[in-house]
N, C-alpha and C. Protein backbone atom coordinates (compact mmCIF):
# COMPACT_ATOMS: atom_id res chain seq x y z
N UNK A 1 97.13 120.27 102.67
CA UNK A 1 98.13 119.58 102.15
C UNK A 1 99.23 119.83 102.30
N UNK A 2 100.19 118.80 102.88
CA UNK A 2 101.76 119.04 103.11
C UNK A 2 102.32 118.13 102.06
N UNK A 3 103.60 118.24 101.47
CA UNK A 3 104.44 117.45 100.90
C UNK A 3 104.57 116.61 102.48
N UNK A 4 104.51 115.32 102.71
CA UNK A 4 104.67 114.27 103.53
C UNK A 4 106.03 113.60 103.49
N UNK A 5 106.06 112.39 104.00
CA UNK A 5 107.53 112.02 104.11
C UNK A 5 107.63 110.99 102.86
N UNK A 6 106.23 110.62 102.60
CA UNK A 6 105.77 109.51 101.30
C UNK A 6 106.32 110.43 100.26
N UNK A 7 105.47 111.51 99.69
CA UNK A 7 105.86 112.33 98.87
C UNK A 7 107.41 112.68 98.84
N UNK A 8 107.80 113.04 99.89
CA UNK A 8 109.70 113.34 99.93
C UNK A 8 110.60 112.02 99.24
N UNK A 9 109.94 110.84 99.84
CA UNK A 9 110.67 109.60 99.71
C UNK A 9 110.55 109.38 97.88
N UNK A 10 109.48 109.62 97.86
CA UNK A 10 109.09 109.69 95.94
C UNK A 10 109.90 110.24 95.22
N UNK A 11 110.09 111.47 95.58
CA UNK A 11 110.82 112.44 94.67
C UNK A 11 112.24 111.93 94.93
N UNK A 12 112.77 111.88 96.21
CA UNK A 12 114.18 111.14 96.32
C UNK A 12 114.25 110.05 95.30
N UNK A 13 113.64 109.02 95.29
CA UNK A 13 113.85 107.94 94.40
C UNK A 13 113.66 108.40 92.94
N UNK A 14 112.68 109.17 92.44
CA UNK A 14 112.46 109.41 91.17
C UNK A 14 114.19 110.63 91.07
N UNK A 15 114.55 111.30 91.61
CA UNK A 15 115.84 112.08 91.38
C UNK A 15 116.68 110.94 91.10
N UNK A 16 116.80 109.79 91.86
CA UNK A 16 118.05 108.56 91.76
C UNK A 16 117.79 107.88 90.44
N UNK A 17 116.58 107.88 90.09
CA UNK A 17 116.38 106.89 88.76
C UNK A 17 116.53 108.44 87.37
N UNK A 18 116.67 109.46 87.91
CA UNK A 18 116.08 110.31 86.58
C UNK A 18 117.57 110.11 85.95
N UNK A 19 118.91 109.41 86.24
CA UNK A 19 119.94 109.40 85.27
C UNK A 19 119.46 108.16 84.40
N UNK A 20 118.38 107.51 84.38
CA UNK A 20 118.06 106.44 83.29
C UNK A 20 118.55 105.13 83.13
N UNK A 21 119.04 105.48 84.54
CA UNK A 21 120.04 104.20 84.53
C UNK A 21 118.99 102.69 85.43
N UNK A 22 118.93 101.41 85.11
CA UNK A 22 118.21 100.65 86.37
C UNK A 22 119.09 100.17 87.85
N UNK A 23 118.13 100.71 88.77
CA UNK A 23 118.77 100.26 90.06
C UNK A 23 118.11 99.86 90.75
N UNK A 24 118.71 99.05 91.69
CA UNK A 24 117.88 98.10 92.90
C UNK A 24 117.50 98.66 93.90
N UNK A 25 116.74 98.47 94.67
CA UNK A 25 115.67 98.72 95.25
C UNK A 25 117.22 99.11 96.77
N UNK A 26 117.83 98.38 97.08
CA UNK A 26 118.73 98.46 98.19
C UNK A 26 119.54 99.76 97.95
N UNK A 27 119.95 99.71 96.88
CA UNK A 27 120.73 100.80 95.98
C UNK A 27 120.12 102.45 96.42
N UNK A 28 118.86 102.26 95.90
CA UNK A 28 117.82 103.21 95.89
C UNK A 28 117.63 104.05 97.63
N UNK A 29 117.83 103.05 98.47
CA UNK A 29 117.28 103.13 99.44
C UNK A 29 118.73 103.70 100.36
N UNK A 30 119.82 103.12 99.83
CA UNK A 30 121.13 103.95 100.16
C UNK A 30 121.52 104.92 99.89
N UNK A 31 121.31 105.30 98.49
CA UNK A 31 121.72 106.49 97.88
C UNK A 31 120.77 107.90 98.41
N UNK A 32 119.37 107.55 98.74
CA UNK A 32 118.30 108.63 99.07
C UNK A 32 118.07 108.71 100.12
N UNK A 33 118.41 107.57 101.10
CA UNK A 33 118.44 107.53 102.52
C UNK A 33 116.67 107.54 102.71
N UNK A 34 116.30 106.29 101.99
CA UNK A 34 114.78 105.88 102.02
C UNK A 34 114.72 104.82 102.74
N UNK A 35 114.28 104.98 103.99
CA UNK A 35 113.69 103.52 104.57
C UNK A 35 113.61 102.24 103.68
N UNK A 36 113.64 101.17 103.34
CA UNK A 36 113.02 100.00 102.45
C UNK A 36 111.60 99.91 102.61
N UNK A 37 111.02 99.92 103.76
CA UNK A 37 109.53 99.90 103.49
C UNK A 37 108.87 100.62 102.85
N UNK A 38 109.45 101.79 103.25
CA UNK A 38 108.57 102.97 102.31
C UNK A 38 109.07 102.99 101.17
N UNK A 39 110.30 102.52 100.61
CA UNK A 39 110.37 102.19 98.89
C UNK A 39 109.66 101.13 98.36
N UNK A 40 109.66 100.16 99.05
CA UNK A 40 108.62 99.24 98.45
C UNK A 40 106.84 99.60 98.01
N UNK A 41 106.73 100.33 99.32
CA UNK A 41 105.19 100.97 99.14
C UNK A 41 104.86 101.80 98.05
N UNK A 42 105.93 102.75 97.71
CA UNK A 42 106.20 104.33 96.93
C UNK A 42 106.38 103.62 95.86
N UNK A 43 107.40 102.60 95.42
CA UNK A 43 107.54 101.75 93.94
C UNK A 43 106.43 101.46 93.65
N UNK A 44 105.65 100.65 94.49
CA UNK A 44 104.15 99.96 93.80
C UNK A 44 103.45 100.84 93.61
N UNK A 45 103.01 102.15 94.00
CA UNK A 45 102.42 103.00 93.37
C UNK A 45 102.97 103.95 92.22
N UNK A 46 104.18 103.95 92.48
CA UNK A 46 104.68 104.47 90.98
C UNK A 46 104.83 103.64 89.76
N UNK A 47 105.05 102.75 90.03
CA UNK A 47 104.81 101.52 89.03
C UNK A 47 103.08 101.45 88.66
N UNK A 48 102.20 101.66 89.18
CA UNK A 48 100.67 101.53 89.32
C UNK A 48 100.56 102.63 88.18
N UNK A 49 100.90 103.60 88.77
CA UNK A 49 100.95 104.93 87.78
C UNK A 49 101.80 105.11 86.48
N UNK A 50 102.66 103.92 86.19
CA UNK A 50 103.17 103.51 84.85
C UNK A 50 104.51 104.82 85.02
N UNK A 51 104.84 105.28 86.16
CA UNK A 51 105.69 106.19 86.19
C UNK A 51 107.19 105.24 86.13
N UNK A 52 107.49 104.27 86.88
CA UNK A 52 108.57 103.55 86.72
C UNK A 52 108.48 101.75 86.34
N UNK A 53 109.15 100.82 86.42
CA UNK A 53 109.04 99.52 85.70
C UNK A 53 109.87 98.82 86.65
N UNK A 54 109.22 97.58 86.85
CA UNK A 54 110.40 96.65 87.52
C UNK A 54 110.85 95.89 86.88
N UNK A 55 112.07 95.25 86.93
CA UNK A 55 112.44 94.22 86.27
C UNK A 55 113.48 92.99 86.61
N UNK A 56 112.49 92.25 86.95
CA UNK A 56 113.49 90.83 87.47
C UNK A 56 114.50 89.87 87.02
N UNK A 57 115.06 89.76 87.96
CA UNK A 57 116.33 88.85 87.51
C UNK A 57 117.47 89.23 87.83
N UNK A 58 118.55 88.64 87.59
CA UNK A 58 119.82 88.63 87.74
C UNK A 58 120.35 90.06 87.61
N UNK A 59 120.22 91.19 86.35
CA UNK A 59 120.53 92.32 86.17
C UNK A 59 119.16 93.19 86.41
N UNK A 60 118.20 92.69 87.26
CA UNK A 60 116.95 93.72 87.64
C UNK A 60 117.36 94.74 88.29
N UNK A 61 116.10 95.09 88.34
CA UNK A 61 116.02 96.61 89.32
C UNK A 61 114.57 97.21 89.01
N UNK A 62 114.88 98.86 89.39
CA UNK A 62 113.51 99.54 88.67
C UNK A 62 114.21 101.06 87.64
N UNK A 63 113.35 101.33 87.01
CA UNK A 63 113.77 102.09 86.04
C UNK A 63 112.75 102.97 85.72
N UNK A 64 113.06 104.26 85.39
CA UNK A 64 112.15 105.19 85.04
C UNK A 64 111.52 104.78 83.86
N UNK A 65 110.26 105.10 83.69
CA UNK A 65 109.55 104.99 82.40
C UNK A 65 108.53 106.47 81.59
N UNK A 66 108.53 107.37 82.89
CA UNK A 66 108.26 108.30 82.28
C UNK A 66 109.04 109.47 81.98
N UNK A 67 108.65 110.51 81.16
CA UNK A 67 109.29 111.98 80.91
C UNK A 67 109.16 112.68 82.09
N UNK A 68 110.29 112.94 82.83
CA UNK A 68 110.40 113.75 84.21
C UNK A 68 109.67 115.32 84.03
N UNK A 69 110.21 115.93 82.55
CA UNK A 69 109.63 117.30 81.94
C UNK A 69 107.92 117.11 81.84
N UNK A 70 107.66 115.93 81.97
CA UNK A 70 105.83 116.00 81.88
C UNK A 70 105.31 115.84 83.14
N UNK A 71 106.22 115.11 83.97
CA UNK A 71 105.49 114.83 85.22
C UNK A 71 105.66 116.12 86.30
N UNK A 72 104.61 116.28 86.85
CA UNK A 72 104.74 117.48 87.43
C UNK A 72 104.90 117.09 89.46
N UNK A 73 104.82 118.27 89.93
CA UNK A 73 104.76 117.81 91.35
C UNK A 73 103.65 117.31 91.66
N UNK A 74 102.69 117.99 90.89
CA UNK A 74 101.05 117.64 91.53
C UNK A 74 100.92 116.18 91.35
N UNK A 75 101.25 115.83 89.84
CA UNK A 75 101.21 114.33 89.81
C UNK A 75 101.80 113.30 91.05
N UNK A 76 102.99 113.89 91.44
CA UNK A 76 103.70 112.77 92.25
C UNK A 76 102.72 112.90 93.84
N UNK A 77 102.29 114.30 94.14
CA UNK A 77 101.15 114.37 95.17
C UNK A 77 100.34 113.48 95.18
N UNK A 78 99.62 113.57 94.02
CA UNK A 78 98.25 112.52 93.46
C UNK A 78 98.71 111.16 93.89
N UNK A 79 99.87 110.76 93.53
CA UNK A 79 100.13 109.22 93.07
C UNK A 79 100.36 108.80 94.39
N UNK A 80 101.40 109.45 95.41
CA UNK A 80 101.51 109.16 96.72
C UNK A 80 100.80 109.31 97.89
N UNK A 81 99.70 110.25 97.34
CA UNK A 81 98.91 110.63 98.50
C UNK A 81 97.29 110.14 98.51
N UNK A 82 96.74 109.99 99.59
CA UNK A 82 95.35 109.70 99.10
C UNK A 82 94.54 110.74 99.69
N UNK A 83 95.09 111.76 100.41
CA UNK A 83 94.33 113.28 100.06
C UNK A 83 95.23 114.18 99.60
N UNK A 84 95.01 114.96 98.72
CA UNK A 84 95.89 116.13 98.45
C UNK A 84 95.32 117.54 98.69
N UNK A 85 94.36 117.63 99.52
CA UNK A 85 93.55 118.92 99.71
C UNK A 85 94.17 119.70 101.21
N UNK A 86 93.79 120.77 101.17
CA UNK A 86 94.11 121.43 102.07
C UNK A 86 93.51 121.35 103.32
N UNK A 87 92.07 121.02 102.74
CA UNK A 87 91.13 120.96 103.98
C UNK A 87 90.32 119.56 103.88
N UNK A 88 89.83 118.96 104.82
CA UNK A 88 88.93 117.88 104.39
C UNK A 88 87.81 118.01 103.93
N UNK A 89 87.24 119.26 104.30
CA UNK A 89 85.87 119.89 103.18
C UNK A 89 85.92 120.21 101.90
N UNK A 90 87.22 119.52 101.53
CA UNK A 90 87.07 119.45 100.06
C UNK A 90 86.96 118.14 99.59
N UNK A 91 87.12 117.19 100.58
CA UNK A 91 87.42 115.71 99.70
C UNK A 91 85.80 115.53 99.57
N UNK A 92 85.89 114.53 98.05
CA UNK A 92 84.97 113.83 97.53
C UNK A 92 84.01 113.38 99.03
N UNK A 93 82.59 113.47 98.85
CA UNK A 93 81.41 112.88 99.95
C UNK A 93 81.62 113.58 101.19
N UNK A 94 82.46 114.59 101.60
CA UNK A 94 82.59 115.29 102.58
C UNK A 94 81.17 115.70 103.14
N UNK A 95 80.68 115.82 104.40
CA UNK A 95 79.64 116.20 104.43
C UNK A 95 79.85 117.19 105.71
N UNK A 96 79.38 118.59 105.17
CA UNK A 96 79.84 119.72 106.34
C UNK A 96 78.44 119.79 106.95
N UNK A 97 78.94 119.52 108.34
CA UNK A 97 77.52 119.58 109.43
C UNK A 97 77.28 121.16 109.43
N UNK A 98 78.28 121.95 109.26
CA UNK A 98 77.99 123.68 109.46
C UNK A 98 76.96 123.79 108.68
N UNK A 99 77.23 123.45 107.12
CA UNK A 99 76.48 123.99 106.35
C UNK A 99 75.15 123.34 106.33
N UNK A 100 75.02 122.10 106.66
CA UNK A 100 73.45 121.44 107.10
C UNK A 100 72.74 122.45 108.16
N UNK A 101 73.49 122.51 108.94
CA UNK A 101 72.90 123.39 110.16
C UNK A 101 72.27 124.25 110.10
N UNK A 102 73.08 125.11 109.09
CA UNK A 102 72.95 126.59 109.02
C UNK A 102 72.12 127.18 107.62
N UNK A 103 71.76 125.93 107.00
CA UNK A 103 71.24 126.12 105.52
C UNK A 103 71.77 127.03 104.83
N UNK A 104 73.07 126.96 104.46
CA UNK A 104 73.83 128.22 103.76
C UNK A 104 75.26 127.54 103.17
N UNK A 105 76.14 128.03 102.40
CA UNK A 105 77.30 127.69 101.84
C UNK A 105 77.88 128.28 102.71
N UNK A 106 79.25 127.43 102.99
CA UNK A 106 79.95 127.85 103.80
C UNK A 106 81.17 128.92 103.22
N UNK A 107 81.75 130.07 103.64
CA UNK A 107 82.29 130.92 102.94
C UNK A 107 83.82 130.53 103.28
N UNK A 108 84.45 129.97 104.42
CA UNK A 108 85.35 129.49 104.60
C UNK A 108 85.75 128.69 103.53
N UNK A 109 84.91 127.36 103.18
CA UNK A 109 85.01 126.60 102.28
C UNK A 109 85.50 127.37 100.99
N UNK A 110 84.62 127.98 100.51
CA UNK A 110 84.78 128.88 99.39
C UNK A 110 86.44 129.14 99.22
N UNK A 111 86.20 129.89 100.25
CA UNK A 111 87.97 130.81 100.23
C UNK A 111 88.74 129.68 100.03
N UNK A 112 88.81 128.18 100.81
CA UNK A 112 89.87 127.40 100.72
C UNK A 112 89.94 126.87 99.26
N UNK A 113 88.85 126.70 98.66
CA UNK A 113 88.53 126.14 97.59
C UNK A 113 89.50 126.76 96.23
N UNK A 114 89.63 128.54 96.70
CA UNK A 114 90.08 129.38 95.61
C UNK A 114 91.50 129.27 95.76
N UNK A 115 92.02 128.98 97.47
CA UNK A 115 93.49 128.69 97.74
C UNK A 115 93.82 127.48 96.93
N UNK A 116 92.94 126.54 97.38
CA UNK A 116 93.26 125.25 96.62
C UNK A 116 93.51 125.09 95.28
N UNK A 117 92.91 125.64 94.57
CA UNK A 117 92.75 126.06 92.82
C UNK A 117 94.30 126.54 92.64
N UNK A 118 94.54 127.59 93.43
CA UNK A 118 95.90 128.14 93.05
C UNK A 118 96.90 127.21 93.32
N UNK A 119 96.81 126.83 94.48
CA UNK A 119 97.80 125.77 94.99
C UNK A 119 97.97 124.84 94.04
N UNK A 120 97.40 124.09 93.47
CA UNK A 120 97.44 123.11 92.71
C UNK A 120 97.62 123.52 91.05
N UNK A 121 97.32 124.77 90.78
CA UNK A 121 97.97 125.39 89.53
C UNK A 121 99.63 125.45 89.71
N UNK A 122 99.80 126.09 90.92
CA UNK A 122 101.19 126.06 90.66
C UNK A 122 101.88 125.01 90.97
N UNK A 123 101.58 123.75 91.87
CA UNK A 123 101.91 122.41 91.52
C UNK A 123 102.39 121.80 90.47
N UNK A 124 101.31 122.06 89.45
CA UNK A 124 101.04 121.47 88.29
C UNK A 124 102.07 122.34 87.32
N UNK A 125 102.38 123.64 87.50
CA UNK A 125 103.34 124.17 86.24
C UNK A 125 104.84 123.70 87.09
N UNK A 126 105.18 122.89 87.98
CA UNK A 126 106.63 122.65 88.18
C UNK A 126 106.78 121.09 88.07
N UNK A 127 107.78 120.93 86.96
CA UNK A 127 107.79 119.52 86.52
C UNK A 127 108.95 118.85 87.58
N UNK A 128 108.77 117.85 87.25
CA UNK A 128 109.79 117.01 88.56
C UNK A 128 111.05 117.48 87.93
N UNK A 129 111.25 117.40 86.39
CA UNK A 129 112.68 117.87 85.65
C UNK A 129 113.42 119.09 86.36
N UNK A 130 112.15 119.99 86.38
CA UNK A 130 112.21 121.15 86.75
C UNK A 130 113.06 121.31 88.39
N UNK A 131 112.53 120.64 89.31
CA UNK A 131 112.63 120.41 90.48
C UNK A 131 113.91 119.93 90.75
N UNK A 132 114.40 118.98 90.01
CA UNK A 132 115.60 118.37 89.99
C UNK A 132 116.83 119.21 89.68
N UNK A 133 116.71 120.22 88.77
CA UNK A 133 117.64 120.85 88.36
C UNK A 133 118.59 121.43 89.23
N UNK A 134 119.77 121.33 89.03
CA UNK A 134 121.04 121.90 89.83
C UNK A 134 121.09 123.61 89.38
N UNK A 135 121.47 124.37 90.36
CA UNK A 135 121.84 125.54 90.03
C UNK A 135 121.97 126.33 91.15
N UNK A 136 122.07 128.00 91.02
CA UNK A 136 121.53 128.73 91.94
C UNK A 136 120.56 128.80 92.51
N UNK A 137 120.04 128.93 93.89
CA UNK A 137 118.79 128.81 94.20
C UNK A 137 117.98 130.14 94.24
N UNK A 138 117.25 130.20 93.67
CA UNK A 138 116.41 131.65 93.30
C UNK A 138 115.41 132.08 94.27
N UNK A 139 115.20 130.81 95.31
CA UNK A 139 114.32 131.40 96.57
C UNK A 139 114.97 132.10 97.74
N UNK A 140 114.41 132.74 98.20
CA UNK A 140 114.88 133.26 99.48
C UNK A 140 114.22 132.49 100.75
N UNK A 141 114.95 131.89 101.06
CA UNK A 141 114.49 131.00 102.54
C UNK A 141 114.06 132.17 103.68
N UNK A 142 112.49 132.09 103.74
CA UNK A 142 112.28 133.15 104.75
C UNK A 142 111.92 131.78 105.91
N UNK A 143 112.10 132.92 107.28
CA UNK A 143 111.37 131.65 108.32
C UNK A 143 109.94 131.85 108.40
N UNK A 144 109.35 130.39 108.77
CA UNK A 144 107.81 130.34 108.46
C UNK A 144 107.27 131.65 109.41
N UNK A 145 105.92 132.43 109.13
CA UNK A 145 105.40 133.14 109.82
C UNK A 145 104.20 132.55 110.51
N UNK A 146 104.55 132.99 111.94
CA UNK A 146 103.15 132.42 112.87
C UNK A 146 102.28 133.14 113.28
N UNK A 147 101.09 133.05 113.29
CA UNK A 147 100.13 133.67 114.22
C UNK A 147 100.55 133.61 115.45
N UNK A 148 100.49 134.90 116.12
CA UNK A 148 100.37 134.67 117.78
C UNK A 148 99.03 135.13 118.36
């Protein structure tokens, strides 16, 4: 699982809507640097999930309907992404050819499931309201580690 461009854009849209005001799609796209084609797709998903609502007419636009302190990063990922697993083998209906061939449980799958559970737990603890809070950065940015 990655924070994909679509999830990133959804978070940007939610940031713009967090002020409680109604915004038209053009304003959202301009203020949050979200391409129009992505904005419509994401807003449709957020509307279907009950996070935002669209109002038609002269003073129409999109407004937030969800409480961002109750909406988590995991919720947004699951709304925007069709697959929120770190490995395809965790997807419902996945058929593991290795397990079938070797007639035993895959230890790699078991370990990845544990990691997935920990990741989901951490993502579920972070509300969008907390994610959007401004203030001193409490995380140290370390360069990514790569295996050589």
